[in-house]
Protein backbone atom coordinates (compact mmCIF):
# COMPACT_ATOMS: atom_id res chain seq x y z
CA MET A 1 -51.06 91.84 -73.68
CA SER A 2 -53.50 89.46 -74.51
CA GLU A 3 -55.70 87.81 -72.16
CA GLN A 4 -54.90 84.54 -73.54
CA ASN A 5 -53.97 81.72 -70.97
CA SER A 6 -50.69 80.40 -72.55
CA GLU A 7 -48.36 77.71 -70.96
CA ALA A 8 -45.81 80.26 -72.36
CA SER A 9 -46.29 81.92 -68.94
CA GLU A 10 -44.65 79.03 -67.37
CA THR A 11 -40.99 79.05 -66.10
CA PRO A 12 -38.90 76.58 -67.69
CA ARG A 13 -37.12 74.20 -65.43
CA ARG A 14 -34.50 71.67 -65.94
CA GLY A 15 -34.73 68.17 -64.36
CA GLY A 16 -37.63 66.60 -62.53
CA GLU A 17 -39.42 65.19 -65.78
CA ALA A 18 -41.14 62.46 -63.88
CA ALA A 19 -44.04 63.07 -61.13
CA ASP A 20 -45.98 60.68 -58.93
CA LYS A 21 -49.59 59.92 -59.93
CA ASP A 22 -52.16 60.15 -57.22
CA GLU A 23 -55.14 57.55 -57.35
CA GLU A 24 -57.27 60.03 -59.58
CA GLY A 25 -54.91 60.54 -62.33
CA LEU A 26 -52.31 63.25 -63.20
CA THR A 27 -53.92 66.84 -63.55
CA TYR A 28 -52.38 70.03 -65.00
CA ALA A 29 -52.21 71.54 -61.74
CA ASP A 30 -50.46 68.48 -60.14
CA ALA A 31 -47.88 69.09 -63.07
CA GLY A 32 -47.29 72.56 -61.88
CA VAL A 33 -49.74 74.71 -63.77
CA ASP A 34 -52.83 75.77 -62.16
CA ILE A 35 -55.09 77.47 -64.92
CA ASP A 36 -57.73 79.12 -62.46
CA ALA A 37 -54.83 80.57 -60.64
CA SER A 38 -53.07 81.94 -63.73
CA GLU A 39 -56.23 83.61 -65.03
CA ALA A 40 -56.93 85.27 -61.57
CA ALA A 41 -53.27 86.59 -62.18
CA THR A 42 -53.92 87.70 -65.71
CA ALA A 43 -57.08 89.33 -64.57
CA ALA A 44 -55.40 91.08 -61.94
CA LEU A 45 -52.82 92.28 -64.43
CA LEU A 46 -55.42 93.55 -66.96
CA GLY A 47 -57.04 95.27 -63.83
CA ALA A 48 -54.33 97.20 -63.32
CA THR A 49 -54.08 98.72 -66.88
CA GLU A 50 -56.15 100.77 -69.01
CA GLY A 51 -57.46 100.91 -72.71
CA PHE A 52 -57.22 97.27 -73.30
CA GLU A 53 -59.24 96.00 -76.18
CA GLY A 54 -59.48 92.87 -77.41
CA ASP A 55 -59.54 89.01 -76.23
CA PHE A 56 -56.83 87.12 -78.30
CA ALA A 57 -55.05 90.04 -79.32
CA GLY A 58 -54.80 93.85 -78.32
CA LEU A 59 -56.56 96.37 -80.50
CA LEU A 60 -55.25 99.76 -80.98
CA ASP A 61 -57.39 102.49 -82.81
CA ILE A 62 -55.25 104.21 -85.57
CA GLY A 63 -58.05 106.08 -87.41
CA ASP A 64 -59.50 104.06 -90.10
CA ARG A 65 -58.16 100.82 -89.01
CA TYR A 66 -57.09 98.76 -86.01
CA LEU A 67 -53.38 97.96 -85.17
CA ALA A 68 -53.26 94.73 -83.34
CA LEU A 69 -50.43 93.03 -81.25
CA ALA A 70 -50.17 89.74 -79.69
CA ALA A 71 -47.23 88.17 -77.51
CA ASP A 72 -46.63 84.76 -76.65
CA GLY A 73 -43.99 82.21 -76.41
CA VAL A 74 -43.80 78.31 -76.61
CA GLY A 75 -43.77 77.54 -72.91
CA THR A 76 -42.17 74.29 -71.67
CA LYS A 77 -42.15 72.88 -75.18
CA LEU A 78 -38.65 74.15 -75.08
CA LEU A 79 -37.67 71.56 -72.53
CA VAL A 80 -38.52 68.73 -74.85
CA ALA A 81 -36.36 70.52 -77.59
CA GLU A 82 -33.52 70.90 -74.91
CA ALA A 83 -33.99 67.33 -73.99
CA ILE A 84 -32.95 66.13 -77.63
CA ASP A 85 -31.16 69.21 -78.28
CA ASP A 86 -33.32 70.07 -81.44
CA TYR A 87 -34.97 73.50 -81.82
CA SER A 88 -35.45 73.45 -85.31
CA THR A 89 -39.12 73.85 -84.85
CA ILE A 90 -39.44 76.00 -81.93
CA GLY A 91 -39.60 79.27 -84.09
CA ILE A 92 -42.57 78.09 -86.07
CA ASP A 93 -44.17 77.44 -82.92
CA CYS A 94 -43.52 80.81 -81.57
CA ILE A 95 -44.94 82.68 -84.53
CA ALA A 96 -47.86 80.44 -84.59
CA MET A 97 -49.05 81.07 -81.11
CA ASN A 98 -49.03 84.74 -81.96
CA ALA A 99 -50.35 84.91 -85.43
CA ASN A 100 -53.27 82.58 -84.79
CA ASP A 101 -54.56 84.89 -81.88
CA LEU A 102 -54.56 87.70 -84.49
CA VAL A 103 -56.56 85.32 -87.06
CA ALA A 104 -59.04 84.60 -83.99
CA ALA A 105 -59.57 88.47 -83.90
CA GLY A 106 -60.19 88.96 -87.60
CA VAL A 107 -56.84 90.65 -88.14
CA ARG A 108 -54.49 90.08 -90.85
CA PRO A 109 -50.69 89.29 -89.36
CA VAL A 110 -48.12 91.27 -91.12
CA ALA A 111 -45.00 91.37 -88.86
CA PHE A 112 -43.25 89.70 -86.11
CA VAL A 113 -40.11 90.55 -83.64
CA ASP A 114 -38.78 87.88 -81.44
CA TYR A 115 -37.05 88.02 -78.13
CA LEU A 116 -34.52 85.20 -77.22
CA ALA A 117 -33.21 85.09 -73.63
CA VAL A 118 -30.43 82.77 -72.99
CA GLU A 119 -28.14 81.61 -70.35
CA GLU A 120 -25.18 81.71 -72.45
CA PRO A 121 -24.92 82.27 -76.25
CA ASP A 122 -24.84 79.20 -78.61
CA ASP A 123 -24.44 79.65 -82.54
CA GLU A 124 -26.02 76.21 -83.52
CA THR A 125 -28.86 76.56 -81.26
CA SER A 126 -29.51 80.19 -82.55
CA GLU A 127 -29.15 79.07 -86.05
CA GLN A 128 -31.97 76.26 -85.53
CA ILE A 129 -34.29 78.70 -83.82
CA GLY A 130 -33.39 81.21 -86.54
CA GLU A 131 -34.41 78.83 -89.21
CA GLY A 132 -37.66 77.73 -87.51
CA LEU A 133 -38.45 81.61 -87.28
CA SER A 134 -37.87 81.99 -91.08
CA GLU A 135 -40.11 78.70 -91.77
CA GLY A 136 -42.72 80.26 -89.57
CA ALA A 137 -42.58 83.48 -91.09
CA ASP A 138 -42.99 81.93 -94.59
CA ARG A 139 -46.15 79.80 -93.46
CA ALA A 140 -47.59 82.82 -92.01
CA ASP A 141 -46.82 85.32 -94.71
CA VAL A 142 -45.47 87.94 -92.30
CA ALA A 143 -42.24 89.66 -92.26
CA LEU A 144 -39.45 89.18 -89.67
CA VAL A 145 -38.44 92.88 -88.97
CA GLY A 146 -36.04 92.21 -86.36
CA GLY A 147 -35.32 90.85 -82.75
CA GLU A 148 -33.39 90.71 -79.45
CA THR A 149 -30.93 88.17 -77.83
CA ALA A 150 -30.20 88.91 -74.32
CA VAL A 151 -27.61 86.87 -72.36
CA MET A 152 -28.67 86.82 -68.59
CA PRO A 153 -26.98 84.11 -66.84
CA GLU A 154 -28.29 84.88 -63.52
CA VAL A 155 -32.05 85.10 -64.72
CA ILE A 156 -32.10 82.43 -67.27
CA ARG A 157 -31.42 78.82 -67.22
CA GLY A 158 -30.86 77.45 -70.78
CA LEU A 159 -33.05 79.62 -73.07
CA ASP A 160 -36.56 81.06 -73.22
CA ILE A 161 -38.19 82.50 -76.54
CA ALA A 162 -41.27 84.61 -76.93
CA GLY A 163 -42.53 87.26 -79.63
CA THR A 164 -44.82 89.87 -80.71
CA CYS A 165 -46.98 89.69 -83.88
CA ALA A 166 -48.70 92.80 -85.43
CA GLY A 167 -51.55 93.08 -87.61
CA LEU A 168 -53.53 95.58 -89.36
CA ALA A 169 -57.26 95.26 -89.84
CA ALA A 170 -60.01 97.62 -91.29
CA LYS A 171 -62.58 98.39 -88.87
CA ASP A 172 -65.21 96.67 -90.59
CA ASP A 173 -63.33 93.28 -90.86
CA VAL A 174 -62.53 92.74 -87.11
CA PHE A 175 -64.81 90.03 -85.88
CA PRO A 176 -67.50 91.40 -83.36
CA GLY A 177 -66.25 88.94 -80.99
CA GLU A 178 -69.57 87.72 -79.83
CA ALA A 179 -71.31 84.64 -80.98
CA GLU A 180 -75.06 84.43 -81.57
CA PRO A 181 -77.62 81.58 -80.45
CA GLY A 182 -78.23 79.82 -83.71
CA ASP A 183 -74.78 80.25 -84.98
CA VAL A 184 -73.08 77.25 -86.45
CA LEU A 185 -69.60 76.23 -85.34
CA VAL A 186 -67.01 75.48 -87.98
CA GLY A 187 -63.86 73.76 -86.75
CA PHE A 188 -60.33 73.09 -88.23
CA PRO A 189 -58.02 70.54 -87.03
CA SER A 190 -54.91 70.96 -85.03
CA THR A 191 -51.27 69.35 -85.73
CA GLY A 192 -51.02 67.86 -82.36
CA ILE A 193 -50.55 69.32 -78.87
CA HIS A 194 -49.44 72.62 -80.47
CA SER A 195 -47.73 74.62 -77.54
CA ASN A 196 -49.87 74.41 -74.50
CA GLY A 197 -50.23 71.79 -71.82
CA LEU A 198 -46.68 70.67 -72.46
CA THR A 199 -45.83 70.75 -68.33
CA LEU A 200 -48.47 67.92 -68.24
CA ALA A 201 -47.78 66.18 -71.14
CA ARG A 202 -44.03 65.90 -70.35
CA GLN A 203 -44.79 64.51 -66.95
CA ALA A 204 -47.08 61.96 -68.26
CA ALA A 205 -44.89 61.09 -71.16
CA THR A 206 -41.77 60.39 -69.25
CA GLN A 207 -43.54 58.39 -66.43
CA ASN A 208 -42.23 55.29 -68.08
CA HIS A 209 -40.35 56.46 -71.04
CA ASP A 210 -37.52 58.52 -72.48
CA TYR A 211 -37.95 61.41 -75.03
CA THR A 212 -35.89 59.11 -77.38
CA ASP A 213 -38.04 56.23 -77.21
CA PRO A 214 -40.23 55.07 -80.23
CA PHE A 215 -43.44 56.56 -80.07
CA PRO A 216 -45.90 53.69 -79.49
CA HIS A 217 -48.48 54.65 -82.26
CA ASP A 218 -45.60 55.33 -84.87
CA THR A 219 -42.38 53.80 -83.90
CA ASP A 220 -40.82 55.64 -86.73
CA ARG A 221 -41.15 58.47 -84.71
CA THR A 222 -39.64 59.37 -81.26
CA ILE A 223 -41.84 60.33 -78.40
CA ALA A 224 -39.87 63.79 -78.48
CA GLU A 225 -40.58 64.16 -82.34
CA VAL A 226 -44.42 63.73 -81.51
CA LEU A 227 -44.53 66.19 -78.87
CA LEU A 228 -42.46 68.67 -81.04
CA GLU A 229 -44.89 68.50 -84.11
CA PRO A 230 -45.21 72.31 -84.80
CA THR A 231 -48.20 74.41 -84.08
CA ARG A 232 -50.65 74.73 -87.04
CA LEU A 233 -50.78 78.20 -88.68
CA TYR A 234 -54.39 79.12 -89.40
CA THR A 235 -53.92 82.30 -91.25
CA ASP A 236 -54.83 80.76 -94.79
CA LEU A 237 -58.32 80.98 -93.03
CA LEU A 238 -58.65 84.66 -93.08
CA ASP A 239 -59.73 85.00 -96.51
CA PRO A 240 -62.72 82.80 -96.38
CA LEU A 241 -63.74 83.96 -92.60
CA LEU A 242 -63.58 87.76 -93.66
CA ALA A 243 -65.54 86.88 -96.74
CA ASN A 244 -68.45 85.62 -94.63
CA GLU A 245 -70.25 86.92 -91.64
CA THR A 246 -67.78 85.58 -88.97
CA HIS A 247 -69.27 86.64 -85.43
CA ALA A 248 -66.31 85.18 -83.37
CA ALA A 249 -63.49 82.68 -83.36
CA ALA A 250 -61.49 81.02 -80.96
CA HIS A 251 -57.98 79.61 -81.02
CA VAL A 252 -57.87 76.50 -78.82
CA THR A 253 -54.68 76.99 -76.61
CA GLY A 254 -54.22 77.47 -72.89
CA GLY A 255 -57.60 76.22 -71.46
CA GLY A 256 -58.30 73.75 -73.85
CA TRP A 257 -61.97 73.83 -75.14
CA THR A 258 -63.14 76.36 -72.51
CA ASN A 259 -61.59 78.72 -74.93
CA LEU A 260 -64.73 78.76 -76.78
CA THR A 261 -66.73 80.53 -74.08
CA ARG A 262 -64.39 83.68 -74.93
CA MET A 263 -66.92 84.01 -77.81
CA GLY A 264 -69.67 84.72 -75.21
CA GLU A 265 -71.45 83.41 -72.43
CA PHE A 266 -73.49 80.50 -74.34
CA HIS A 267 -74.09 76.96 -74.62
CA TYR A 268 -71.55 75.38 -77.16
CA GLU A 269 -72.77 72.07 -78.48
CA ILE A 270 -69.91 70.24 -79.99
CA THR A 271 -71.31 67.31 -81.66
CA ASP A 272 -68.63 66.18 -84.33
CA PRO A 273 -65.28 67.39 -83.14
CA PHE A 274 -62.17 66.16 -85.00
CA GLU A 275 -60.48 62.91 -83.74
CA ALA A 276 -57.98 63.50 -81.42
CA GLN A 277 -54.33 62.51 -82.33
CA PRO A 278 -52.70 59.35 -81.09
CA VAL A 279 -50.32 61.74 -78.84
CA PHE A 280 -53.35 62.69 -76.83
CA GLU A 281 -54.25 58.94 -76.04
CA PHE A 282 -50.64 58.33 -75.16
CA VAL A 283 -50.63 61.24 -72.67
CA GLN A 284 -53.87 60.22 -71.22
CA THR A 285 -52.76 56.71 -70.72
CA GLU A 286 -49.45 57.31 -69.31
CA GLY A 287 -50.58 59.95 -66.78
CA ASN A 288 -53.96 58.30 -66.20
CA VAL A 289 -55.54 61.68 -66.93
CA SER A 290 -59.16 62.13 -66.92
CA ASP A 291 -61.20 63.00 -70.01
CA GLU A 292 -62.43 66.37 -68.49
CA GLU A 293 -58.69 67.14 -67.68
CA MET A 294 -57.50 66.38 -71.04
CA HIS A 295 -60.29 68.91 -72.54
CA ARG A 296 -59.57 71.34 -70.31
CA THR A 297 -56.01 71.38 -71.20
CA PHE A 298 -55.58 70.49 -74.65
CA ASN A 299 -56.91 71.03 -77.91
CA MET A 300 -57.78 67.43 -78.45
CA GLY A 301 -57.59 67.52 -82.23
CA THR A 302 -59.45 70.83 -83.14
CA GLY A 303 -57.23 73.88 -83.06
CA PHE A 304 -59.53 76.66 -84.44
CA VAL A 305 -63.14 77.11 -83.87
CA ALA A 306 -65.35 79.90 -85.85
CA ALA A 307 -68.99 80.94 -85.25
CA LEU A 308 -71.22 81.83 -88.12
CA PRO A 309 -74.78 81.87 -89.29
CA GLU A 310 -75.59 78.65 -90.90
CA ALA A 311 -75.26 79.72 -94.70
CA ASP A 312 -71.87 81.48 -94.04
CA ALA A 313 -70.45 78.37 -92.00
CA GLU A 314 -71.27 76.03 -95.03
CA ALA A 315 -69.50 78.47 -97.32
CA VAL A 316 -66.61 78.76 -95.28
CA VAL A 317 -66.34 74.89 -95.26
CA GLU A 318 -66.76 74.71 -98.99
CA ALA A 319 -64.04 77.27 -99.42
CA THR A 320 -61.34 75.64 -96.88
CA ASP A 321 -59.53 72.47 -97.11
CA ASP A 322 -60.43 70.72 -94.12
CA GLY A 323 -62.95 72.87 -92.13
CA ARG A 324 -66.15 71.28 -91.22
CA ILE A 325 -69.13 71.85 -89.03
CA ILE A 326 -68.34 70.70 -85.66
CA GLY A 327 -71.62 71.97 -83.62
CA ASP A 328 -73.59 74.96 -82.95
CA VAL A 329 -74.19 77.79 -80.47
CA GLN A 330 -77.41 78.02 -78.18
CA ASP A 331 -78.77 79.69 -75.27
CA GLY A 332 -78.39 78.32 -71.88
CA ASP A 333 -75.84 77.92 -69.21
CA GLU A 334 -72.31 78.73 -70.21
CA CYS A 335 -70.39 75.57 -70.97
CA VAL A 336 -68.85 73.52 -73.81
CA ALA A 337 -70.57 70.18 -73.94
CA ILE A 338 -68.09 67.78 -76.00
CA ARG A 339 -67.90 63.86 -75.91
CA GLY A 340 -70.22 63.53 -73.00
CA LEU A 341 -68.67 66.18 -70.76
CA GLU A 342 -69.69 69.81 -69.71
CA LEU A 343 -66.84 72.38 -69.24
CA ALA A 344 -67.85 75.38 -67.82
């Protein structure tokens, strides 16, 4: 199991989309997900296990290589899909949330297995999910090697999907996992919200709107379509990252920008982050969400970050389509400084 604090740990619920805003604005905890409590529970779980190695993915020594495993789901993004009866992209999200965690460890994903739990079987829904899984596997260049569908009417309301991605890496290829002071941070844009923070995003979005309403920043799309934009796959970054001296990487998911502190207890100075897509402005405005809460919950436009020496960072930027230097790593108090905020 990974230490990744993913919204996939949330229990999907029907109904009750809207929530009252307090005077300070909606927070993730108000919406139903307390990140601190979730991290404490995860730490307790890991404390009761032995032999865990890795942060974004679990690593198993199999001789001259590591076998890596990551497990995750798509969280309450499922409720948006349910609201408009469109599950066609959910499989992409499921594979991306797992494969990207392996990439953050320096591991090449090779195979994926899914687990679909349903209240009652439905051929059309299953077909849509299967099409998404197939598309996600193509994008990630992994093999779909099987899966399980469980019908559990007394346990599941609606459906839930999760999966496990397996990867292999030579021991010399795995990132050390610790940034170094003086490292340069290379960032890569997200495609939107991805698959974290949807409990907050859903409640904010439905304060004054329906999912089928036109999205105010792009009226050719509905609010649901924007929220369901699939998570980007970052597997194409592996070759340039492995060809250079990558010290550590972070997949920006649950916990937002605080994920960078998984690369070590340093000061991360973010000077040129990617612009946040309009969906974030929409969520923030509708939910009256503070800047700090937005950056602690969402990727805010940047979905993946790597820490490298300056020359290697520049080489990675040159070798990728949309990577750019977004900041650096400094000695100092552990925090992420971005857009006038200090996230500890």
